[in-house]
Amino acid sequence: MSRTKNFIDFRKRGNLEGLVLHSDQGWQHKQYGYRKKLQDGPTVQNMSRKDNCLDNAVKENLFGMMKTELLNPGNYSSLKRFGRELREH
């Protein structure tokens, strides 16, 4: 749950209107407190269908590469900077 807390803290940095959080059907993504935090903000939760790993295979691959190559929480002072780095990548 520390990554969840980091994400929720990250949301405080700026306007995240329209942000979509992609996840599988893991138990942590179904917890009431977690879902409530997402609903209280501008974040939309996108979950794959139960027992269908192919629903989001392309997204899973893309986000896996992004996490490996780009996402290092201490590297970005703002969402604007992260967006710039993402576009350049």
N, C-alpha and C. Protein backbone atom coordinates (compact mmCIF):
# COMPACT_ATOMS: atom_id res chain seq x y z
N MET A 1 0.81 -1.20 0.00
CA MET A 1 0.00 0.00 0.00
C MET A 1 0.86 1.27 0.00
N SER A 2 2.16 1.16 0.15
CA SER A 2 2.99 2.36 0.15
C SER A 2 2.96 3.04 -1.22
N ARG A 3 2.88 2.27 -2.29
CA ARG A 3 2.76 2.88 -3.62
C ARG A 3 1.44 3.62 -3.76
N THR A 4 0.39 3.07 -3.18
CA THR A 4 -0.90 3.75 -3.21
C THR A 4 -0.80 5.07 -2.48
N LYS A 5 -0.18 5.06 -1.32
CA LYS A 5 -0.02 6.31 -0.56
C LYS A 5 0.83 7.30 -1.35
N ASN A 6 1.88 6.83 -1.99
CA ASN A 6 2.71 7.72 -2.82
C ASN A 6 1.89 8.33 -3.95
N PHE A 7 1.03 7.53 -4.57
CA PHE A 7 0.18 8.04 -5.65
C PHE A 7 -0.77 9.11 -5.12
N ILE A 8 -1.40 8.82 -3.98
CA ILE A 8 -2.34 9.78 -3.41
C ILE A 8 -1.61 11.07 -3.04
N ASP A 9 -0.41 10.97 -2.48
CA ASP A 9 0.38 12.16 -2.16
C ASP A 9 0.78 12.90 -3.43
N PHE A 10 1.09 12.16 -4.50
CA PHE A 10 1.48 12.75 -5.77
C PHE A 10 0.35 13.61 -6.33
N ARG A 11 -0.89 13.19 -6.08
CA ARG A 11 -2.05 13.93 -6.59
C ARG A 11 -2.11 15.34 -6.02
N LYS A 12 -1.51 15.58 -4.89
CA LYS A 12 -1.55 16.90 -4.26
C LYS A 12 -0.67 17.92 -4.98
N ARG A 13 0.16 17.48 -5.90
CA ARG A 13 1.13 18.36 -6.55
C ARG A 13 0.53 19.28 -7.61
N GLY A 14 -0.61 18.95 -8.15
CA GLY A 14 -1.14 19.79 -9.21
C GLY A 14 -2.49 19.32 -9.70
N ASN A 15 -2.94 19.91 -10.77
CA ASN A 15 -4.24 19.59 -11.36
C ASN A 15 -4.13 18.28 -12.13
N LEU A 16 -4.84 17.28 -11.68
CA LEU A 16 -4.82 15.98 -12.34
C LEU A 16 -6.16 15.66 -13.00
N GLU A 17 -6.88 16.70 -13.36
CA GLU A 17 -8.18 16.52 -14.00
C GLU A 17 -8.04 15.61 -15.21
N GLY A 18 -8.86 14.58 -15.29
CA GLY A 18 -8.84 13.67 -16.42
C GLY A 18 -7.85 12.52 -16.29
N LEU A 19 -7.14 12.44 -15.18
CA LEU A 19 -6.18 11.35 -14.98
C LEU A 19 -6.92 10.02 -14.87
N VAL A 20 -6.44 9.01 -15.58
CA VAL A 20 -7.01 7.67 -15.51
C VAL A 20 -5.98 6.76 -14.86
N LEU A 21 -6.39 6.08 -13.80
CA LEU A 21 -5.51 5.14 -13.11
C LEU A 21 -5.89 3.74 -13.55
N HIS A 22 -5.00 3.10 -14.29
CA HIS A 22 -5.24 1.75 -14.79
C HIS A 22 -4.76 0.73 -13.77
N SER A 23 -5.57 -0.29 -13.52
CA SER A 23 -5.15 -1.35 -12.60
C SER A 23 -5.81 -2.66 -12.98
N ASP A 24 -5.29 -3.72 -12.39
CA ASP A 24 -5.94 -5.02 -12.55
C ASP A 24 -7.01 -5.15 -11.46
N GLN A 25 -7.50 -6.36 -11.27
CA GLN A 25 -8.56 -6.59 -10.28
C GLN A 25 -8.00 -7.05 -8.94
N GLY A 26 -6.76 -6.69 -8.65
CA GLY A 26 -6.14 -7.08 -7.39
C GLY A 26 -6.94 -6.57 -6.20
N TRP A 27 -6.84 -7.27 -5.08
CA TRP A 27 -7.64 -6.92 -3.90
C TRP A 27 -7.40 -5.49 -3.44
N GLN A 28 -6.16 -5.01 -3.57
CA GLN A 28 -5.88 -3.66 -3.08
C GLN A 28 -6.61 -2.59 -3.88
N HIS A 29 -6.92 -2.89 -5.15
CA HIS A 29 -7.61 -1.92 -6.00
C HIS A 29 -9.12 -1.93 -5.78
N LYS A 30 -9.61 -2.91 -5.02
CA LYS A 30 -11.04 -3.01 -4.75
C LYS A 30 -11.40 -2.49 -3.36
N GLN A 31 -10.41 -2.18 -2.55
CA GLN A 31 -10.66 -1.75 -1.18
C GLN A 31 -11.44 -0.44 -1.15
N TYR A 32 -12.40 -0.35 -0.24
CA TYR A 32 -13.27 0.82 -0.15
C TYR A 32 -12.47 2.11 0.03
N GLY A 33 -11.53 2.13 0.96
CA GLY A 33 -10.77 3.35 1.23
C GLY A 33 -9.99 3.84 0.02
N TYR A 34 -9.41 2.91 -0.70
CA TYR A 34 -8.64 3.23 -1.90
C TYR A 34 -9.55 3.82 -2.97
N ARG A 35 -10.66 3.15 -3.22
CA ARG A 35 -11.60 3.61 -4.26
C ARG A 35 -12.22 4.94 -3.88
N LYS A 36 -12.48 5.13 -2.59
CA LYS A 36 -13.06 6.39 -2.11
C LYS A 36 -12.09 7.54 -2.35
N LYS A 37 -10.80 7.32 -2.06
CA LYS A 37 -9.79 8.37 -2.32
C LYS A 37 -9.77 8.76 -3.79
N LEU A 38 -9.87 7.77 -4.67
CA LEU A 38 -9.89 8.07 -6.10
C LEU A 38 -11.14 8.85 -6.48
N GLN A 39 -12.27 8.43 -5.95
CA GLN A 39 -13.54 9.09 -6.28
C GLN A 39 -13.60 10.52 -5.75
N ASP A 40 -12.93 10.78 -4.63
CA ASP A 40 -12.95 12.12 -4.04
C ASP A 40 -12.18 13.13 -4.88
N GLY A 41 -11.29 12.66 -5.71
CA GLY A 41 -10.49 13.55 -6.55
C GLY A 41 -10.93 13.43 -8.00
N PRO A 42 -10.14 13.99 -8.90
CA PRO A 42 -10.50 13.97 -10.31
C PRO A 42 -10.10 12.69 -11.03
N THR A 43 -9.62 11.69 -10.30
CA THR A 43 -9.08 10.48 -10.92
C THR A 43 -10.16 9.48 -11.27
N VAL A 44 -10.05 8.89 -12.45
CA VAL A 44 -10.97 7.84 -12.89
C VAL A 44 -10.24 6.51 -12.78
N GLN A 45 -10.88 5.53 -12.17
CA GLN A 45 -10.27 4.21 -12.05
C GLN A 45 -10.69 3.35 -13.23
N ASN A 46 -9.72 2.73 -13.88
CA ASN A 46 -9.97 1.84 -15.01
C ASN A 46 -9.45 0.47 -14.63
N MET A 47 -10.37 -0.50 -14.51
CA MET A 47 -9.97 -1.85 -14.11
C MET A 47 -10.31 -2.83 -15.21
N SER A 48 -9.41 -3.77 -15.44
CA SER A 48 -9.68 -4.81 -16.43
C SER A 48 -10.80 -5.73 -15.94
N ARG A 49 -11.40 -6.45 -16.89
CA ARG A 49 -12.45 -7.40 -16.51
C ARG A 49 -11.84 -8.58 -15.77
N LYS A 50 -12.61 -9.19 -14.94
CA LYS A 50 -12.15 -10.33 -14.16
C LYS A 50 -11.71 -11.47 -15.10
N ASP A 51 -10.56 -12.04 -14.79
CA ASP A 51 -10.00 -13.19 -15.52
C ASP A 51 -9.78 -12.93 -17.00
N ASN A 52 -9.54 -11.67 -17.38
CA ASN A 52 -9.27 -11.38 -18.78
C ASN A 52 -8.03 -10.48 -18.89
N CYS A 53 -6.88 -11.11 -18.88
CA CYS A 53 -5.62 -10.36 -18.91
C CYS A 53 -5.41 -9.65 -20.24
N LEU A 54 -6.14 -10.04 -21.28
CA LEU A 54 -5.95 -9.42 -22.59
C LEU A 54 -6.64 -8.07 -22.72
N ASP A 55 -7.53 -7.75 -21.77
CA ASP A 55 -8.23 -6.47 -21.82
C ASP A 55 -7.28 -5.30 -21.99
N ASN A 56 -6.23 -5.31 -21.26
CA ASN A 56 -5.33 -4.17 -21.23
C ASN A 56 -3.89 -4.54 -21.55
N ALA A 57 -3.69 -5.53 -22.38
CA ALA A 57 -2.34 -6.02 -22.67
C ALA A 57 -1.44 -4.92 -23.23
N VAL A 58 -1.96 -4.11 -24.15
CA VAL A 58 -1.16 -3.05 -24.75
C VAL A 58 -0.81 -2.00 -23.70
N LYS A 59 -1.82 -1.64 -22.88
CA LYS A 59 -1.56 -0.66 -21.81
C LYS A 59 -0.55 -1.21 -20.81
N GLU A 60 -0.72 -2.48 -20.46
CA GLU A 60 0.20 -3.09 -19.49
C GLU A 60 1.64 -3.01 -20.00
N ASN A 61 1.83 -3.30 -21.28
CA ASN A 61 3.16 -3.25 -21.87
C ASN A 61 3.72 -1.83 -21.86
N LEU A 62 2.91 -0.87 -22.30
CA LEU A 62 3.34 0.52 -22.33
C LEU A 62 3.70 1.02 -20.94
N PHE A 63 2.82 0.78 -19.97
CA PHE A 63 3.07 1.27 -18.62
C PHE A 63 4.25 0.55 -17.97
N GLY A 64 4.45 -0.70 -18.31
CA GLY A 64 5.62 -1.42 -17.81
C GLY A 64 6.91 -0.77 -18.29
N MET A 65 6.95 -0.42 -19.58
CA MET A 65 8.13 0.25 -20.12
C MET A 65 8.31 1.63 -19.49
N MET A 66 7.22 2.35 -19.32
CA MET A 66 7.31 3.68 -18.71
C MET A 66 7.85 3.61 -17.29
N LYS A 67 7.36 2.65 -16.52
CA LYS A 67 7.84 2.51 -15.14
C LYS A 67 9.33 2.24 -15.10
N THR A 68 9.79 1.39 -16.00
CA THR A 68 11.20 1.02 -16.04
C THR A 68 12.08 2.18 -16.51
N GLU A 69 11.65 2.86 -17.56
CA GLU A 69 12.50 3.85 -18.20
C GLU A 69 12.31 5.27 -17.70
N LEU A 70 11.10 5.60 -17.23
CA LEU A 70 10.80 6.99 -16.91
C LEU A 70 10.46 7.27 -15.46
N LEU A 71 9.65 6.43 -14.88
CA LEU A 71 9.02 6.77 -13.61
C LEU A 71 9.94 6.51 -12.43
N ASN A 72 10.51 7.56 -11.96
CA ASN A 72 11.33 7.53 -10.76
C ASN A 72 10.85 8.72 -9.93
N PRO A 73 10.01 8.48 -8.93
CA PRO A 73 9.29 9.56 -8.24
C PRO A 73 10.11 10.77 -7.82
N GLY A 74 11.37 10.60 -7.49
CA GLY A 74 12.17 11.74 -7.05
C GLY A 74 12.67 12.64 -8.17
N ASN A 75 12.49 12.22 -9.43
CA ASN A 75 13.06 12.95 -10.55
C ASN A 75 12.26 14.15 -11.02
N TYR A 76 11.02 14.27 -10.66
CA TYR A 76 10.16 15.30 -11.24
C TYR A 76 9.64 16.25 -10.16
N SER A 77 9.89 17.52 -10.37
CA SER A 77 9.44 18.52 -9.41
C SER A 77 8.00 18.94 -9.65
N SER A 78 7.47 18.61 -10.83
CA SER A 78 6.09 18.99 -11.15
C SER A 78 5.53 18.05 -12.21
N LEU A 79 4.22 18.06 -12.34
CA LEU A 79 3.57 17.27 -13.39
C LEU A 79 3.93 17.81 -14.76
N LYS A 80 4.11 19.11 -14.85
CA LYS A 80 4.47 19.73 -16.12
C LYS A 80 5.82 19.18 -16.61
N ARG A 81 6.77 19.09 -15.70
CA ARG A 81 8.09 18.55 -16.06
C ARG A 81 7.98 17.08 -16.47
N PHE A 82 7.20 16.30 -15.72
CA PHE A 82 7.01 14.90 -16.08
C PHE A 82 6.39 14.78 -17.47
N GLY A 83 5.38 15.61 -17.76
CA GLY A 83 4.74 15.60 -19.08
C GLY A 83 5.73 15.91 -20.19
N ARG A 84 6.59 16.88 -19.94
CA ARG A 84 7.61 17.25 -20.93
C ARG A 84 8.56 16.08 -21.18
N GLU A 85 9.01 15.45 -20.11
CA GLU A 85 9.91 14.29 -20.24
C GLU A 85 9.22 13.14 -20.98
N LEU A 86 7.95 12.93 -20.67
CA LEU A 86 7.20 11.85 -21.31
C LEU A 86 7.07 12.10 -22.81
N ARG A 87 6.76 13.32 -23.20
CA ARG A 87 6.64 13.65 -24.63
C ARG A 87 7.97 13.48 -25.35
N GLU A 88 9.06 13.88 -24.69
CA GLU A 88 10.38 13.75 -25.30
C GLU A 88 10.80 12.29 -25.44
N HIS A 89 10.34 11.46 -24.52
CA HIS A 89 10.69 10.04 -24.54
C HIS A 89 10.02 9.37 -25.73
